[in-house]
Structures are given as structure tokens and as C-alpha cells.
């Protein structure tokens, strides 16, 4: 609603607002697999990769 009526770009929405992620765990791939085995409802929302200092947001079609 804010984005639509305020004509706010998607990149600005992610910059300014908490886009719905309340708690994050940052885990190694091995520990992420162990965590998912214990809590199957956990989802992967991103990954850390070596490269320049930037953030790339890729939209998922999966809705929660």
C-alpha cells in the first residue's frame, strides 16, 4: 500500500523498511542443514558470497 500510493520504488522499500524478516540465523552450509533437520519450517533467504561490497535482492515467487 505504501509502495503503491507513495510511488516508492522496490529498492527504496527494501532500503527504508523492514521487509518482513523478523529473525535471521547466519549459519555455515553444514549447520544450516542441521538446523533444517531440527526445524523443517526454516527457509533460506540468502547467501553470503565473496565479491564487491553490494547487496543484490532477487525476488522469490514463493509467498508465505
N, C-alpha and C. Protein backbone atom coordinates (compact mmCIF):
# COMPACT_ATOMS: atom_id res chain seq x y z
N UNK A 1 0.82 -1.18 0.00
CA UNK A 1 0.00 0.00 0.00
C UNK A 1 0.88 1.26 0.00
N UNK A 2 1.86 1.30 0.89
CA UNK A 2 2.76 2.45 0.92
C UNK A 2 3.48 2.59 -0.41
N UNK A 3 3.96 1.46 -0.92
CA UNK A 3 4.70 1.48 -2.18
C UNK A 3 3.81 1.95 -3.32
N UNK A 4 2.60 1.41 -3.37
CA UNK A 4 1.69 1.75 -4.46
C UNK A 4 1.25 3.21 -4.42
N UNK A 5 0.71 3.65 -3.29
CA UNK A 5 0.18 5.01 -3.20
C UNK A 5 1.27 6.06 -3.12
N UNK A 6 2.42 5.69 -2.55
CA UNK A 6 3.52 6.65 -2.44
C UNK A 6 4.46 6.63 -3.63
N UNK A 7 4.19 5.70 -4.56
CA UNK A 7 5.04 5.54 -5.74
C UNK A 7 6.50 5.38 -5.34
N UNK A 8 6.72 4.45 -4.39
CA UNK A 8 8.05 4.18 -3.86
C UNK A 8 8.63 2.99 -4.61
N UNK A 9 9.86 3.11 -5.08
CA UNK A 9 10.49 2.04 -5.84
C UNK A 9 10.77 0.83 -4.94
N UNK A 10 10.84 -0.37 -5.52
CA UNK A 10 11.16 -1.56 -4.72
C UNK A 10 12.49 -1.43 -3.97
N UNK A 11 13.50 -0.88 -4.61
CA UNK A 11 14.79 -0.74 -3.94
C UNK A 11 14.70 0.20 -2.74
N UNK A 12 13.90 1.25 -2.85
CA UNK A 12 13.72 2.17 -1.72
C UNK A 12 12.95 1.51 -0.58
N UNK A 13 11.97 0.68 -0.92
CA UNK A 13 11.22 -0.05 0.10
C UNK A 13 12.15 -0.93 0.92
N UNK A 14 13.05 -1.66 0.25
CA UNK A 14 13.98 -2.53 0.97
C UNK A 14 14.99 -1.71 1.77
N UNK A 15 15.34 -0.54 1.29
CA UNK A 15 16.31 0.31 1.98
C UNK A 15 15.72 0.90 3.26
N UNK A 16 14.46 1.29 3.22
CA UNK A 16 13.86 2.04 4.32
C UNK A 16 13.11 1.16 5.31
N UNK A 17 12.41 0.14 4.82
CA UNK A 17 11.52 -0.63 5.67
C UNK A 17 12.05 -2.03 5.95
N UNK A 18 11.67 -2.56 7.12
CA UNK A 18 11.90 -3.96 7.41
C UNK A 18 10.91 -4.72 6.54
N UNK A 19 11.42 -5.50 5.61
CA UNK A 19 10.54 -6.15 4.65
C UNK A 19 10.05 -7.52 5.13
N UNK A 20 9.80 -7.65 6.42
CA UNK A 20 9.12 -8.82 6.93
C UNK A 20 9.97 -9.91 7.53
N UNK A 21 11.27 -9.73 7.60
CA UNK A 21 12.12 -10.76 8.21
C UNK A 21 12.36 -10.38 9.65
N UNK A 22 11.77 -11.13 10.55
CA UNK A 22 11.86 -10.77 11.96
C UNK A 22 13.11 -11.29 12.65
N UNK A 23 13.58 -12.48 12.27
CA UNK A 23 14.74 -13.07 12.92
C UNK A 23 15.53 -13.86 11.89
N UNK A 24 16.83 -13.65 11.86
CA UNK A 24 17.68 -14.34 10.91
C UNK A 24 18.77 -15.11 11.64
N UNK A 25 19.14 -16.25 11.10
CA UNK A 25 20.30 -17.00 11.56
C UNK A 25 21.30 -17.01 10.42
N UNK A 26 22.54 -16.74 10.74
CA UNK A 26 23.60 -16.81 9.74
C UNK A 26 24.44 -18.02 10.09
N UNK A 27 24.36 -19.04 9.21
CA UNK A 27 24.97 -20.33 9.50
C UNK A 27 25.81 -20.82 8.33
N UNK A 28 26.79 -21.64 8.66
CA UNK A 28 27.55 -22.33 7.60
C UNK A 28 26.59 -23.29 6.90
N UNK A 29 26.90 -23.69 5.67
CA UNK A 29 26.02 -24.65 4.98
C UNK A 29 25.78 -25.93 5.79
N UNK A 30 26.81 -26.45 6.45
CA UNK A 30 26.64 -27.66 7.27
C UNK A 30 25.68 -27.43 8.42
N UNK A 31 25.86 -26.32 9.13
CA UNK A 31 24.98 -26.03 10.25
C UNK A 31 23.57 -25.67 9.80
N UNK A 32 23.45 -25.09 8.62
CA UNK A 32 22.11 -24.79 8.09
C UNK A 32 21.35 -26.08 7.84
N UNK A 33 22.01 -27.08 7.31
CA UNK A 33 21.37 -28.38 7.07
C UNK A 33 20.94 -29.02 8.40
N UNK A 34 21.78 -28.91 9.41
CA UNK A 34 21.44 -29.46 10.73
C UNK A 34 20.24 -28.72 11.32
N UNK A 35 20.23 -27.40 11.18
CA UNK A 35 19.12 -26.61 11.72
C UNK A 35 17.81 -26.96 11.02
N UNK A 36 17.86 -27.14 9.68
CA UNK A 36 16.65 -27.51 8.94
C UNK A 36 16.16 -28.90 9.33
N UNK A 37 17.08 -29.78 9.68
CA UNK A 37 16.67 -31.11 10.14
C UNK A 37 15.90 -31.02 11.45
N UNK A 38 16.29 -30.07 12.29
CA UNK A 38 15.61 -29.87 13.57
C UNK A 38 14.32 -29.05 13.44
N UNK A 39 14.33 -28.09 12.52
CA UNK A 39 13.19 -27.19 12.32
C UNK A 39 12.89 -27.11 10.82
N UNK A 40 12.16 -28.06 10.27
CA UNK A 40 11.93 -28.11 8.81
C UNK A 40 11.27 -26.86 8.22
N UNK A 41 10.59 -26.06 9.05
CA UNK A 41 9.92 -24.86 8.52
C UNK A 41 10.89 -23.72 8.24
N UNK A 42 12.16 -23.86 8.63
CA UNK A 42 13.15 -22.83 8.34
C UNK A 42 13.31 -22.69 6.83
N UNK A 43 13.53 -21.46 6.39
CA UNK A 43 13.74 -21.21 4.96
C UNK A 43 15.05 -20.46 4.76
N UNK A 44 15.66 -20.67 3.62
CA UNK A 44 16.88 -19.95 3.26
C UNK A 44 16.46 -18.68 2.55
N UNK A 45 16.95 -17.53 3.03
CA UNK A 45 16.56 -16.25 2.42
C UNK A 45 17.72 -15.58 1.70
N UNK A 46 18.90 -16.17 1.77
CA UNK A 46 20.03 -15.56 1.07
C UNK A 46 21.29 -16.35 1.30
N UNK A 47 22.35 -15.83 0.74
CA UNK A 47 23.65 -16.45 0.92
C UNK A 47 24.73 -15.39 0.88
N UNK A 48 25.82 -15.68 1.53
CA UNK A 48 26.96 -14.77 1.53
C UNK A 48 27.98 -15.32 0.54
N UNK A 49 28.41 -14.47 -0.36
CA UNK A 49 29.39 -14.87 -1.36
C UNK A 49 30.50 -13.83 -1.42
N UNK A 50 31.68 -14.27 -1.80
CA UNK A 50 32.80 -13.36 -1.94
C UNK A 50 32.58 -12.48 -3.16
N UNK A 51 32.88 -11.20 -3.01
CA UNK A 51 32.71 -10.28 -4.13
C UNK A 51 32.75 -8.85 -3.65
N UNK A 52 32.35 -7.91 -4.52
CA UNK A 52 32.34 -6.50 -4.13
C UNK A 52 31.30 -6.24 -3.04
N UNK A 53 31.48 -5.16 -2.32
CA UNK A 53 30.55 -4.81 -1.23
C UNK A 53 29.26 -4.26 -1.82
N UNK A 54 28.29 -5.14 -2.00
CA UNK A 54 26.98 -4.73 -2.51
C UNK A 54 25.95 -5.76 -2.10
N UNK A 55 24.70 -5.39 -2.17
CA UNK A 55 23.60 -6.28 -1.87
C UNK A 55 22.75 -6.40 -3.12
N UNK A 56 22.42 -7.63 -3.48
CA UNK A 56 21.54 -7.88 -4.61
C UNK A 56 20.29 -8.54 -4.07
N UNK A 57 19.14 -7.98 -4.37
CA UNK A 57 17.87 -8.54 -3.92
C UNK A 57 17.22 -9.22 -5.11
N UNK A 58 17.01 -10.52 -4.98
CA UNK A 58 16.33 -11.30 -6.01
C UNK A 58 14.98 -11.70 -5.45
N UNK A 59 13.94 -11.38 -6.15
CA UNK A 59 12.59 -11.67 -5.67
C UNK A 59 12.26 -13.13 -5.87
N UNK A 60 11.58 -13.68 -4.90
CA UNK A 60 11.12 -15.06 -4.97
C UNK A 60 9.63 -15.05 -5.27
N UNK A 61 9.19 -16.03 -6.02
CA UNK A 61 7.77 -16.15 -6.29
C UNK A 61 7.06 -16.85 -5.14
N UNK A 62 7.84 -17.42 -4.21
CA UNK A 62 7.25 -18.13 -3.08
C UNK A 62 6.70 -17.11 -2.09
N UNK A 63 5.46 -17.27 -1.68
CA UNK A 63 4.82 -16.36 -0.73
C UNK A 63 4.57 -17.10 0.56
N UNK A 64 4.68 -16.40 1.69
CA UNK A 64 4.49 -17.02 2.99
C UNK A 64 3.31 -16.39 3.69
